[in-house]
Amino acid sequence: MEKNKGKVRCFNTDIRLLKYVQRLLRVLEIETTGPRIRARKGVLLFDKKGGKTYRTRKDVYSIYVKGRDRLRFYRLVGFTIQRKKQRLEEYLRRCGLLETPPTGPPPNSPQPSH
């Protein structure tokens, strides 16, 4: 999940694995782009999280979930990693595709006594 842009991406050096993921998503009627080459073997990449630079040992490929299918991806697949789930939810809310959760206690719930 790309921060603030709502892109749902998957990267891997095994292009066959990405094609398999695409087929699984297609069964759920979720369309993707690619796979496309993201980085060639031997390229230096900077890992923002770890703050390290490293050289790729293999070509790196990516697929993207198409914009029109991001809500469907959220509903049918989603993320188990909370920060990725939250980013996708925030993006979908900004686009008006997901309702903002209500704040406070749910309706008709018992109110705490004082």
PDB file of N, CA and C in Angstrom:
ATOM      1  N   MET A   1       0.858  -1.171   0.000  1.00  0.00           N
ATOM      2  CA  MET A   1       0.000   0.000   0.000  1.00  0.00           C
ATOM      3  C   MET A   1       0.892   1.218   0.000  1.00  0.00           C
ATOM      4  N   GLU A   2       0.783   2.036  -1.027  1.00  0.00           N
ATOM      5  CA  GLU A   2       1.604   3.235  -1.125  1.00  0.00           C
ATOM      6  C   GLU A   2       0.957   4.370  -0.353  1.00  0.00           C
ATOM      7  N   LYS A   3       1.733   4.987   0.502  1.00  0.00           N
ATOM      8  CA  LYS A   3       1.229   6.030   1.393  1.00  0.00           C
ATOM      9  C   LYS A   3       0.613   7.184   0.603  1.00  0.00           C
ATOM     10  N   ASN A   4      -0.582   7.589   0.987  1.00  0.00           N
ATOM     11  CA  ASN A   4      -1.332   8.734   0.472  1.00  0.00           C
ATOM     12  C   ASN A   4      -1.816   8.596  -0.969  1.00  0.00           C
ATOM     13  N   LYS A   5      -1.374   7.625  -1.717  1.00  0.00           N
ATOM     14  CA  LYS A   5      -1.782   7.522  -3.112  1.00  0.00           C
ATOM     15  C   LYS A   5      -2.781   6.401  -3.343  1.00  0.00           C
ATOM     16  N   GLY A   6      -2.975   5.550  -2.373  1.00  0.00           N
ATOM     17  CA  GLY A   6      -3.962   4.501  -2.493  1.00  0.00           C
ATOM     18  C   GLY A   6      -3.592   3.359  -3.411  1.00  0.00           C
ATOM     19  N   LYS A   7      -2.351   3.304  -3.840  1.00  0.00           N
ATOM     20  CA  LYS A   7      -1.941   2.226  -4.734  1.00  0.00           C
ATOM     21  C   LYS A   7      -1.752   0.933  -3.958  1.00  0.00           C
ATOM     22  N   VAL A   8      -2.370  -0.114  -4.452  1.00  0.00           N
ATOM     23  CA  VAL A   8      -2.201  -1.438  -3.862  1.00  0.00           C
ATOM     24  C   VAL A   8      -1.260  -2.185  -4.802  1.00  0.00           C
ATOM     25  N   ARG A   9      -0.045  -2.451  -4.313  1.00  0.00           N
ATOM     26  CA  ARG A   9       0.991  -3.047  -5.148  1.00  0.00           C
ATOM     27  C   ARG A   9       1.555  -4.294  -4.493  1.00  0.00           C
ATOM     28  N   CYS A  10       2.095  -5.151  -5.338  1.00  0.00           N
ATOM     29  CA  CYS A  10       2.760  -6.357  -4.868  1.00  0.00           C
ATOM     30  C   CYS A  10       4.068  -6.480  -5.651  1.00  0.00           C
ATOM     31  N   PHE A  11       5.162  -6.687  -4.943  1.00  0.00           N
ATOM     32  CA  PHE A  11       6.480  -6.818  -5.556  1.00  0.00           C
ATOM     33  C   PHE A  11       7.038  -8.198  -5.272  1.00  0.00           C
ATOM     34  N   ASN A  12       7.757  -8.748  -6.253  1.00  0.00           N
ATOM     35  CA  ASN A  12       8.435 -10.020  -6.035  1.00  0.00           C
ATOM     36  C   ASN A  12       9.431 -10.245  -7.156  1.00  0.00           C
ATOM     37  N   THR A  13      10.418 -11.084  -6.883  1.00  0.00           N
ATOM     38  CA  THR A  13      11.389 -11.440  -7.927  1.00  0.00           C
ATOM     39  C   THR A  13      10.912 -12.623  -8.746  1.00  0.00           C
ATOM     40  N   ASP A  14       9.889 -13.311  -8.280  1.00  0.00           N
ATOM     41  CA  ASP A  14       9.357 -14.483  -8.975  1.00  0.00           C
ATOM     42  C   ASP A  14       8.136 -14.066  -9.797  1.00  0.00           C
ATOM     43  N   ILE A  15       8.342 -13.873 -11.071  1.00  0.00           N
ATOM     44  CA  ILE A  15       7.256 -13.409 -11.943  1.00  0.00           C
ATOM     45  C   ILE A  15       6.130 -14.429 -12.011  1.00  0.00           C
ATOM     46  N   ARG A  16       6.464 -15.709 -11.889  1.00  0.00           N
ATOM     47  CA  ARG A  16       5.419 -16.757 -11.903  1.00  0.00           C
ATOM     48  C   ARG A  16       4.494 -16.618 -10.700  1.00  0.00           C
ATOM     49  N   LEU A  17       5.053 -16.263  -9.565  1.00  0.00           N
ATOM     50  CA  LEU A  17       4.243 -16.058  -8.365  1.00  0.00           C
ATOM     51  C   LEU A  17       3.288 -14.883  -8.563  1.00  0.00           C
ATOM     52  N   LEU A  18       3.780 -13.793  -9.139  1.00  0.00           N
ATOM     53  CA  LEU A  18       2.919 -12.633  -9.372  1.00  0.00           C
ATOM     54  C   LEU A  18       1.804 -12.962 -10.361  1.00  0.00           C
ATOM     55  N   LYS A  19       2.111 -13.756 -11.372  1.00  0.00           N
ATOM     56  CA  LYS A  19       1.069 -14.155 -12.327  1.00  0.00           C
ATOM     57  C   LYS A  19       0.022 -15.037 -11.646  1.00  0.00           C
ATOM     58  N   TYR A  20       0.462 -15.873 -10.721  1.00  0.00           N
ATOM     59  CA  TYR A  20      -0.456 -16.702  -9.946  1.00  0.00           C
ATOM     60  C   TYR A  20      -1.367 -15.819  -9.083  1.00  0.00           C
ATOM     61  N   VAL A  21      -0.786 -14.828  -8.423  1.00  0.00           N
ATOM     62  CA  VAL A  21      -1.568 -13.884  -7.611  1.00  0.00           C
ATOM     63  C   VAL A  21      -2.593 -13.183  -8.498  1.00  0.00           C
ATOM     64  N   GLN A  22      -2.179 -12.787  -9.693  1.00  0.00           N
ATOM     65  CA  GLN A  22      -3.107 -12.148 -10.625  1.00  0.00           C
ATOM     66  C   GLN A  22      -4.286 -13.059 -10.961  1.00  0.00           C
ATOM     67  N   ARG A  23      -3.998 -14.327 -11.214  1.00  0.00           N
ATOM     68  CA  ARG A  23      -5.074 -15.270 -11.537  1.00  0.00           C
ATOM     69  C   ARG A  23      -6.044 -15.407 -10.362  1.00  0.00           C
ATOM     70  N   LEU A  24      -5.508 -15.491  -9.152  1.00  0.00           N
ATOM     71  CA  LEU A  24      -6.374 -15.591  -7.969  1.00  0.00           C
ATOM     72  C   LEU A  24      -7.247 -14.337  -7.825  1.00  0.00           C
ATOM     73  N   LEU A  25      -6.649 -13.181  -8.033  1.00  0.00           N
ATOM     74  CA  LEU A  25      -7.416 -11.935  -7.937  1.00  0.00           C
ATOM     75  C   LEU A  25      -8.464 -11.859  -9.040  1.00  0.00           C
ATOM     76  N   ARG A  26      -8.123 -12.328 -10.239  1.00  0.00           N
ATOM     77  CA  ARG A  26      -9.072 -12.308 -11.349  1.00  0.00           C
ATOM     78  C   ARG A  26     -10.306 -13.162 -11.042  1.00  0.00           C
ATOM     79  N   VAL A  27     -10.108 -14.276 -10.320  1.00  0.00           N
ATOM     80  CA  VAL A  27     -11.243 -15.114  -9.905  1.00  0.00           C
ATOM     81  C   VAL A  27     -12.204 -14.290  -9.052  1.00  0.00           C
ATOM     82  N   LEU A  28     -11.660 -13.374  -8.278  1.00  0.00           N
ATOM     83  CA  LEU A  28     -12.476 -12.494  -7.426  1.00  0.00           C
ATOM     84  C   LEU A  28     -12.933 -11.240  -8.178  1.00  0.00           C
ATOM     85  N   GLU A  29     -12.673 -11.227  -9.491  1.00  0.00           N
ATOM     86  CA  GLU A  29     -13.002 -10.090 -10.357  1.00  0.00           C
ATOM     87  C   GLU A  29     -12.285  -8.821  -9.932  1.00  0.00           C
ATOM     88  N   ILE A  30     -11.015  -8.991  -9.531  1.00  0.00           N
ATOM     89  CA  ILE A  30     -10.146  -7.865  -9.195  1.00  0.00           C
ATOM     90  C   ILE A  30      -9.056  -7.822 -10.265  1.00  0.00           C
ATOM     91  N   GLU A  31      -9.050  -6.735 -11.046  1.00  0.00           N
ATOM     92  CA  GLU A  31      -8.094  -6.612 -12.141  1.00  0.00           C
ATOM     93  C   GLU A  31      -6.807  -5.929 -11.677  1.00  0.00           C
ATOM     94  N   THR A  32      -5.710  -6.384 -12.260  1.00  0.00           N
ATOM     95  CA  THR A  32      -4.395  -5.826 -11.941  1.00  0.00           C
ATOM     96  C   THR A  32      -3.660  -5.471 -13.226  1.00  0.00           C
ATOM     97  N   THR A  33      -2.631  -4.676 -13.082  1.00  0.00           N
ATOM     98  CA  THR A  33      -1.735  -4.379 -14.202  1.00  0.00           C
ATOM     99  C   THR A  33      -0.509  -5.260 -14.072  1.00  0.00           C
ATOM    100  N   GLY A  34       0.271  -5.323 -15.145  1.00  0.00           N
ATOM    101  CA  GLY A  34       1.550  -6.021 -15.067  1.00  0.00           C
ATOM    102  C   GLY A  34       1.424  -7.510 -15.249  1.00  0.00           C
ATOM    103  N   PRO A  35       2.403  -8.259 -14.783  1.00  0.00           N
ATOM    104  CA  PRO A  35       3.588  -7.796 -14.051  1.00  0.00           C
ATOM    105  C   PRO A  35       4.513  -6.951 -14.935  1.00  0.00           C
ATOM    106  N   ARG A  36       5.107  -5.977 -14.288  1.00  0.00           N
ATOM    107  CA  ARG A  36       6.064  -5.075 -14.933  1.00  0.00           C
ATOM    108  C   ARG A  36       7.365  -5.101 -14.161  1.00  0.00           C
ATOM    109  N   ILE A  37       8.433  -4.849 -14.875  1.00  0.00           N
ATOM    110  CA  ILE A  37       9.746  -4.802 -14.224  1.00  0.00           C
ATOM    111  C   ILE A  37       9.801  -3.549 -13.363  1.00  0.00           C
ATOM    112  N   ARG A  38      10.173  -3.702 -12.120  1.00  0.00           N
ATOM    113  CA  ARG A  38      10.285  -2.572 -11.180  1.00  0.00           C
ATOM    114  C   ARG A  38      11.743  -2.149 -11.046  1.00  0.00           C
ATOM    115  N   ALA A  39      12.626  -3.137 -10.958  1.00  0.00           N
ATOM    116  CA  ALA A  39      14.060  -2.850 -10.838  1.00  0.00           C
ATOM    117  C   ALA A  39      14.831  -4.008 -11.473  1.00  0.00           C
ATOM    118  N   ARG A  40      15.822  -3.673 -12.236  1.00  0.00           N
ATOM    119  CA  ARG A  40      16.664  -4.686 -12.862  1.00  0.00           C
ATOM    120  C   ARG A  40      17.696  -5.216 -11.884  1.00  0.00           C
ATOM    121  N   LYS A  41      18.128  -6.433 -12.141  1.00  0.00           N
ATOM    122  CA  LYS A  41      19.189  -7.058 -11.351  1.00  0.00           C
ATOM    123  C   LYS A  41      20.396  -6.125 -11.312  1.00  0.00           C
ATOM    124  N   GLY A  42      20.964  -5.960 -10.110  1.00  0.00           N
ATOM    125  CA  GLY A  42      22.164  -5.141  -9.949  1.00  0.00           C
ATOM    126  C   GLY A  42      21.922  -3.675  -9.645  1.00  0.00           C
ATOM    127  N   VAL A  43      20.656  -3.248  -9.613  1.00  0.00           N
ATOM    128  CA  VAL A  43      20.324  -1.848  -9.341  1.00  0.00           C
ATOM    129  C   VAL A  43      20.393  -1.588  -7.836  1.00  0.00           C
ATOM    130  N   LEU A  44      20.844  -0.399  -7.454  1.00  0.00           N
ATOM    131  CA  LEU A  44      20.847  -0.005  -6.044  1.00  0.00           C
ATOM    132  C   LEU A  44      19.464   0.526  -5.676  1.00  0.00           C
ATOM    133  N   LEU A  45      18.913   0.008  -4.586  1.00  0.00           N
ATOM    134  CA  LEU A  45      17.626   0.474  -4.078  1.00  0.00           C
ATOM    135  C   LEU A  45      17.792   0.935  -2.643  1.00  0.00           C
ATOM    136  N   PHE A  46      17.017   1.952  -2.270  1.00  0.00           N
ATOM    137  CA  PHE A  46      17.060   2.467  -0.907  1.00  0.00           C
ATOM    138  C   PHE A  46      15.803   2.036  -0.176  1.00  0.00           C
ATOM    139  N   ASP A  47      15.965   1.372   0.953  1.00  0.00           N
ATOM    140  CA  ASP A  47      14.858   0.943   1.801  1.00  0.00           C
ATOM    141  C   ASP A  47      14.577   2.061   2.800  1.00  0.00           C
ATOM    142  N   LYS A  48      13.463   2.781   2.604  1.00  0.00           N
ATOM    143  CA  LYS A  48      13.123   3.914   3.467  1.00  0.00           C
ATOM    144  C   LYS A  48      12.924   3.496   4.918  1.00  0.00           C
ATOM    145  N   LYS A  49      12.288   2.342   5.126  1.00  0.00           N
ATOM    146  CA  LYS A  49      12.029   1.881   6.491  1.00  0.00           C
ATOM    147  C   LYS A  49      13.303   1.551   7.243  1.00  0.00           C
ATOM    148  N   GLY A  50      14.157   0.763   6.609  1.00  0.00           N
ATOM    149  CA  GLY A  50      15.380   0.335   7.281  1.00  0.00           C
ATOM    150  C   GLY A  50      16.527   1.325   7.145  1.00  0.00           C
ATOM    151  N   GLY A  51      16.365   2.273   6.200  1.00  0.00           N
ATOM    152  CA  GLY A  51      17.413   3.264   5.992  1.00  0.00           C
ATOM    153  C   GLY A  51      18.657   2.685   5.321  1.00  0.00           C
ATOM    154  N   LYS A  52      18.500   1.551   4.640  1.00  0.00           N
ATOM    155  CA  LYS A  52      19.642   0.889   4.010  1.00  0.00           C
ATOM    156  C   LYS A  52      19.546   0.962   2.495  1.00  0.00           C
ATOM    157  N   THR A  53      20.708   0.947   1.869  1.00  0.00           N
ATOM    158  CA  THR A  53      20.787   0.813   0.428  1.00  0.00           C
ATOM    159  C   THR A  53      21.278  -0.592   0.134  1.00  0.00           C
ATOM    160  N   TYR A  54      20.667  -1.227  -0.850  1.00  0.00           N
ATOM    161  CA  TYR A  54      21.108  -2.570  -1.207  1.00  0.00           C
ATOM    162  C   TYR A  54      21.033  -2.747  -2.716  1.00  0.00           C
ATOM    163  N   ARG A  55      21.744  -3.727  -3.216  1.00  0.00           N
ATOM    164  CA  ARG A  55      21.778  -4.035  -4.641  1.00  0.00           C
ATOM    165  C   ARG A  55      20.897  -5.254  -4.893  1.00  0.00           C
ATOM    166  N   THR A  56      20.015  -5.151  -5.874  1.00  0.00           N
ATOM    167  CA  THR A  56      19.130  -6.265  -6.195  1.00  0.00           C
ATOM    168  C   THR A  56      19.932  -7.404  -6.831  1.00  0.00           C
ATOM    169  N   ARG A  57      19.648  -8.621  -6.418  1.00  0.00           N
ATOM    170  CA  ARG A  57      20.334  -9.789  -6.986  1.00  0.00           C
ATOM    171  C   ARG A  57      19.544 -10.387  -8.137  1.00  0.00           C
ATOM    172  N   LYS A  58      18.263 -10.010  -8.222  1.00  0.00           N
ATOM    173  CA  LYS A  58      17.399 -10.494  -9.294  1.00  0.00           C
ATOM    174  C   LYS A  58      16.540  -9.337  -9.771  1.00  0.00           C
ATOM    175  N   ASP A  59      15.939  -9.488 -10.940  1.00  0.00           N
ATOM    176  CA  ASP A  59      14.955  -8.509 -11.396  1.00  0.00           C
ATOM    177  C   ASP A  59      13.781  -8.523 -10.424  1.00  0.00           C
ATOM    178  N   VAL A  60      13.217  -7.346 -10.180  1.00  0.00           N
ATOM    179  CA  VAL A  60      12.064  -7.208  -9.291  1.00  0.00           C
ATOM    180  C   VAL A  60      10.869  -6.782 -10.147  1.00  0.00           C
ATOM    181  N   TYR A  61       9.742  -7.497  -9.979  1.00  0.00           N
ATOM    182  CA  TYR A  61       8.530  -7.228 -10.747  1.00  0.00           C
ATOM    183  C   TYR A  61       7.426  -6.724  -9.820  1.00  0.00           C
ATOM    184  N   SER A  62       6.442  -6.056 -10.423  1.00  0.00           N
ATOM    185  CA  SER A  62       5.324  -5.563  -9.616  1.00  0.00           C
ATOM    186  C   SER A  62       4.017  -5.734 -10.370  1.00  0.00           C
ATOM    187  N   ILE A  63       2.944  -5.846  -9.600  1.00  0.00           N
ATOM    188  CA  ILE A  63       1.583  -5.748 -10.121  1.00  0.00           C
ATOM    189  C   ILE A  63       0.856  -4.711  -9.270  1.00  0.00           C
ATOM    190  N   TYR A  64      -0.146  -4.060  -9.869  1.00  0.00           N
ATOM    191  CA  TYR A  64      -0.967  -3.069  -9.181  1.00  0.00           C
ATOM    192  C   TYR A  64      -2.420  -3.471  -9.297  1.00  0.00           C
ATOM    193  N   VAL A  65      -3.162  -3.292  -8.234  1.00  0.00           N
ATOM    194  CA  VAL A  65      -4.616  -3.453  -8.309  1.00  0.00           C
ATOM    195  C   VAL A  65      -5.150  -2.179  -8.962  1.00  0.00           C
ATOM    196  N   LYS A  66      -5.956  -2.338  -9.984  1.00  0.00           N
ATOM    197  CA  LYS A  66      -6.502  -1.175 -10.689  1.00  0.00           C
ATOM    198  C   LYS A  66      -7.387  -0.369  -9.756  1.00  0.00           C
ATOM    199  N   GLY A  67      -7.376   0.941  -9.951  1.00  0.00           N
ATOM    200  CA  GLY A  67      -8.098   1.864  -9.080  1.00  0.00           C
ATOM    201  C   GLY A  67      -9.554   1.515  -8.869  1.00  0.00           C
ATOM    202  N   ARG A  68     -10.236   1.123  -9.933  1.00  0.00           N
ATOM    203  CA  ARG A  68     -11.670   0.827  -9.823  1.00  0.00           C
ATOM    204  C   ARG A  68     -11.935  -0.419  -8.986  1.00  0.00           C
ATOM    205  N   ASP A  69     -10.888  -1.225  -8.736  1.00  0.00           N
ATOM    206  CA  ASP A  69     -11.058  -2.470  -7.986  1.00  0.00           C
ATOM    207  C   ASP A  69     -10.482  -2.417  -6.570  1.00  0.00           C
ATOM    208  N   ARG A  70     -10.038  -1.253  -6.133  1.00  0.00           N
ATOM    209  CA  ARG A  70      -9.447  -1.159  -4.788  1.00  0.00           C
ATOM    210  C   ARG A  70     -10.470  -1.408  -3.685  1.00  0.00           C
ATOM    211  N   LEU A  71     -11.682  -0.928  -3.860  1.00  0.00           N
ATOM    212  CA  LEU A  71     -12.714  -1.171  -2.849  1.00  0.00           C
ATOM    213  C   LEU A  71     -13.043  -2.666  -2.802  1.00  0.00           C
ATOM    214  N   ARG A  72     -13.154  -3.283  -3.962  1.00  0.00           N
ATOM    215  CA  ARG A  72     -13.416  -4.727  -4.016  1.00  0.00           C
ATOM    216  C   ARG A  72     -12.274  -5.493  -3.350  1.00  0.00           C
ATOM    217  N   PHE A  73     -11.023  -5.071  -3.596  1.00  0.00           N
ATOM    218  CA  PHE A  73      -9.864  -5.689  -2.951  1.00  0.00           C
ATOM    219  C   PHE A  73     -10.003  -5.549  -1.437  1.00  0.00           C
ATOM    220  N   TYR A  74     -10.344  -4.365  -0.975  1.00  0.00           N
ATOM    221  CA  TYR A  74     -10.499  -4.116   0.461  1.00  0.00           C
ATOM    222  C   TYR A  74     -11.538  -5.049   1.070  1.00  0.00           C
ATOM    223  N   ARG A  75     -12.661  -5.199   0.385  1.00  0.00           N
ATOM    224  CA  ARG A  75     -13.759  -6.007   0.927  1.00  0.00           C
ATOM    225  C   ARG A  75     -13.496  -7.507   0.865  1.00  0.00           C
ATOM    226  N   LEU A  76     -12.850  -7.972  -0.208  1.00  0.00           N
ATOM    227  CA  LEU A  76     -12.691  -9.415  -0.400  1.00  0.00           C
ATOM    228  C   LEU A  76     -11.340  -9.972   0.036  1.00  0.00           C
ATOM    229  N   VAL A  77     -10.307  -9.151  -0.011  1.00  0.00           N
ATOM    230  CA  VAL A  77      -8.957  -9.630   0.305  1.00  0.00           C
ATOM    231  C   VAL A  77      -8.417  -8.906   1.534  1.00  0.00           C
ATOM    232  N   GLY A  78      -8.245  -7.605   1.413  1.00  0.00           N
ATOM    233  CA  GLY A  78      -7.778  -6.778   2.524  1.00  0.00           C
ATOM    234  C   GLY A  78      -6.343  -7.030   2.913  1.00  0.00           C
ATOM    235  N   PHE A  79      -5.979  -6.479   4.045  1.00  0.00           N
ATOM    236  CA  PHE A  79      -4.633  -6.609   4.599  1.00  0.00           C
ATOM    237  C   PHE A  79      -4.730  -7.099   6.034  1.00  0.00           C
ATOM    238  N   THR A  80      -3.772  -7.897   6.456  1.00  0.00           N
ATOM    239  CA  THR A  80      -3.694  -8.277   7.864  1.00  0.00           C
ATOM    240  C   THR A  80      -2.774  -7.315   8.616  1.00  0.00           C
ATOM    241  N   ILE A  81      -1.899  -6.639   7.890  1.00  0.00           N
ATOM    242  CA  ILE A  81      -1.001  -5.651   8.505  1.00  0.00           C
ATOM    243  C   ILE A  81      -1.812  -4.375   8.728  1.00  0.00           C
ATOM    244  N   GLN A  82      -1.966  -3.992   9.985  1.00  0.00           N
ATOM    245  CA  GLN A  82      -2.847  -2.884  10.352  1.00  0.00           C
ATOM    246  C   GLN A  82      -2.507  -1.576   9.650  1.00  0.00           C
ATOM    247  N   ARG A  83      -1.230  -1.217   9.558  1.00  0.00           N
ATOM    248  CA  ARG A  83      -0.883   0.066   8.940  1.00  0.00           C
ATOM    249  C   ARG A  83      -1.289   0.096   7.463  1.00  0.00           C
ATOM    250  N   LYS A  84      -1.188  -1.041   6.784  1.00  0.00           N
ATOM    251  CA  LYS A  84      -1.602  -1.100   5.379  1.00  0.00           C
ATOM    252  C   LYS A  84      -3.123  -1.035   5.272  1.00  0.00           C
ATOM    253  N   LYS A  85      -3.799  -1.741   6.151  1.00  0.00           N
ATOM    254  CA  LYS A  85      -5.262  -1.705   6.181  1.00  0.00           C
ATOM    255  C   LYS A  85      -5.756  -0.282   6.427  1.00  0.00           C
ATOM    256  N   GLN A  86      -5.145   0.403   7.393  1.00  0.00           N
ATOM    257  CA  GLN A  86      -5.548   1.771   7.720  1.00  0.00           C
ATOM    258  C   GLN A  86      -5.294   2.722   6.555  1.00  0.00           C
ATOM    259  N   ARG A  87      -4.151   2.561   5.880  1.00  0.00           N
ATOM    260  CA  ARG A  87      -3.862   3.426   4.727  1.00  0.00           C
ATOM    261  C   ARG A  87      -4.895   3.247   3.634  1.00  0.00           C
ATOM    262  N   LEU A  88      -5.265   1.994   3.354  1.00  0.00           N
ATOM    263  CA  LEU A  88      -6.257   1.752   2.319  1.00  0.00           C
ATOM    264  C   LEU A  88      -7.610   2.307   2.730  1.00  0.00           C
ATOM    265  N   GLU A  89      -7.990   2.127   3.988  1.00  0.00           N
ATOM    266  CA  GLU A  89      -9.253   2.679   4.479  1.00  0.00           C
ATOM    267  C   GLU A  89      -9.269   4.196   4.356  1.00  0.00           C
ATOM    268  N   GLU A  90      -8.174   4.852   4.741  1.00  0.00           N
ATOM    269  CA  GLU A  90      -8.093   6.313   4.653  1.00  0.00           C
ATOM    270  C   GLU A  90      -8.224   6.779   3.208  1.00  0.00           C
ATOM    271  N   TYR A  91      -7.566   6.085   2.301  1.00  0.00           N
ATOM    272  CA  TYR A  91      -7.655   6.423   0.884  1.00  0.00           C
ATOM    273  C   TYR A  91      -9.096   6.273   0.390  1.00  0.00           C
ATOM    274  N   LEU A  92      -9.729   5.159   0.715  1.00  0.00           N
ATOM    275  CA  LEU A  92     -11.100   4.911   0.260  1.00  0.00           C
ATOM    276  C   LEU A  92     -12.068   5.933   0.846  1.00  0.00           C
ATOM    277  N   ARG A  93     -11.837   6.365   2.075  1.00  0.00           N
ATOM    278  CA  ARG A  93     -12.676   7.413   2.682  1.00  0.00           C
ATOM    279  C   ARG A  93     -12.488   8.733   1.951  1.00  0.00           C
ATOM    280  N   ARG A  94     -11.227   9.086   1.656  1.00  0.00           N
ATOM    281  CA  ARG A  94     -10.952  10.345   0.938  1.00  0.00           C
ATOM    282  C   ARG A  94     -11.640  10.360  -0.424  1.00  0.00           C
ATOM    283  N   CYS A  95     -11.751   9.186  -1.041  1.00  0.00           N
ATOM    284  CA  CYS A  95     -12.398   9.065  -2.357  1.00  0.00           C
ATOM    285  C   CYS A  95     -13.910   8.946  -2.242  1.00  0.00           C
ATOM    286  N   GLY A  96     -14.422   8.883  -1.013  1.00  0.00           N
ATOM    287  CA  GLY A  96     -15.856   8.764  -0.799  1.00  0.00           C
ATOM    288  C   GLY A  96     -16.390   7.366  -1.051  1.00  0.00           C
ATOM    289  N   LEU A  97     -15.512   6.372  -1.045  1.00  0.00           N
ATOM    290  CA  LEU A  97     -15.922   4.991  -1.315  1.00  0.00           C
ATOM    291  C   LEU A  97     -16.184   4.191  -0.043  1.00  0.00           C
ATOM    292  N   LEU A  98     -15.780   4.742   1.086  1.00  0.00           N
ATOM    293  CA  LEU A  98     -15.942   4.049   2.356  1.00  0.00           C
ATOM    294  C   LEU A  98     -16.444   5.060   3.370  1.00  0.00           C
ATOM    295  N   GLU A  99     -17.446   4.660   4.116  1.00  0.00           N
ATOM    296  CA  GLU A  99     -18.001   5.569   5.126  1.00  0.00           C
ATOM    297  C   GLU A  99     -17.037   5.713   6.289  1.00  0.00           C
ATOM    298  N   THR A 100     -17.054   6.890   6.890  1.00  0.00           N
ATOM    299  CA  THR A 100     -16.269   7.129   8.092  1.00  0.00           C
ATOM    300  C   THR A 100     -16.953   6.427   9.243  1.00  0.00           C
ATOM    301  N   PRO A 101     -16.205   5.637  10.024  1.00  0.00           N
ATOM    302  CA  PRO A 101     -16.856   4.942  11.140  1.00  0.00           C
ATOM    303  C   PRO A 101     -17.373   5.945  12.159  1.00  0.00           C
ATOM    304  N   PRO A 102     -18.529   5.657  12.744  1.00  0.00           N
ATOM    305  CA  PRO A 102     -19.078   6.578  13.753  1.00  0.00           C
ATOM    306  C   PRO A 102     -18.182   6.603  14.987  1.00  0.00           C
ATOM    307  N   THR A 103     -18.161   7.744  15.641  1.00  0.00           N
ATOM    308  CA  THR A 103     -17.401   7.854  16.886  1.00  0.00           C
ATOM    309  C   THR A 103     -18.362   7.672  18.046  1.00  0.00           C
ATOM    310  N   GLY A 104     -17.846   7.260  19.152  1.00  0.00           N
ATOM    311  CA  GLY A 104     -18.691   7.056  20.324  1.00  0.00           C
ATOM    312  C   GLY A 104     -19.264   5.664  20.359  1.00  0.00           C
ATOM    313  N   PRO A 105     -20.141   5.402  21.321  1.00  0.00           N
ATOM    314  CA  PRO A 105     -20.713   4.060  21.460  1.00  0.00           C
ATOM    315  C   PRO A 105     -21.669   3.761  20.312  1.00  0.00           C
ATOM    316  N   PRO A 106     -21.812   2.501  19.952  1.00  0.00           N
ATOM    317  CA  PRO A 106     -22.761   2.135  18.901  1.00  0.00           C
ATOM    318  C   PRO A 106     -24.181   2.493  19.320  1.00  0.00           C
ATOM    319  N   PRO A 107     -25.068   2.739  18.340  1.00  0.00           N
ATOM    320  CA  PRO A 107     -26.457   3.067  18.699  1.00  0.00           C
ATOM    321  C   PRO A 107     -27.097   1.925  19.494  1.00  0.00           C
ATOM    322  N   ASN A 108     -27.992   2.285  20.390  1.00  0.00           N
ATOM    323  CA  ASN A 108     -28.735   1.326  21.227  1.00  0.00           C
ATOM    324  C   ASN A 108     -27.837   0.522  22.148  1.00  0.00           C
ATOM    325  N   SER A 109     -26.627   0.990  22.405  1.00  0.00           N
ATOM    326  CA  SER A 109     -25.779   0.287  23.346  1.00  0.00           C
ATOM    327  C   SER A 109     -26.014   0.850  24.742  1.00  0.00           C
ATOM    328  N   PRO A 110     -25.829   0.032  25.754  1.00  0.00           N
ATOM    329  CA  PRO A 110     -26.054   0.528  27.119  1.00  0.00           C
ATOM    330  C   PRO A 110     -25.053   1.637  27.429  1.00  0.00           C
ATOM    331  N   GLN A 111     -25.563   2.704  27.993  1.00  0.00           N
ATOM    332  CA  GLN A 111     -24.724   3.835  28.344  1.00  0.00           C
ATOM    333  C   GLN A 111     -24.142   3.596  29.750  1.00  0.00           C
ATOM    334  N   PRO A 112     -22.885   3.969  29.954  1.00  0.00           N
ATOM    335  CA  PRO A 112     -22.299   3.766  31.288  1.00  0.00           C
ATOM    336  C   PRO A 112     -23.027   4.636  32.310  1.00  0.00           C
ATOM    337  N   SER A 113     -23.234   4.087  33.494  1.00  0.00           N
ATOM    338  CA  SER A 113     -23.896   4.846  34.556  1.00  0.00           C
ATOM    339  C   SER A 113     -22.845   5.577  35.381  1.00  0.00           C
ATOM    340  N   HIS A 114     -23.228   6.732  35.860  1.00  0.00           N
ATOM    341  CA  HIS A 114     -22.268   7.542  36.656  1.00  0.00           C
ATOM    342  C   HIS A 114     -22.606   7.501  38.097  1.00  0.00           C
TER     343      HIS A 114
END
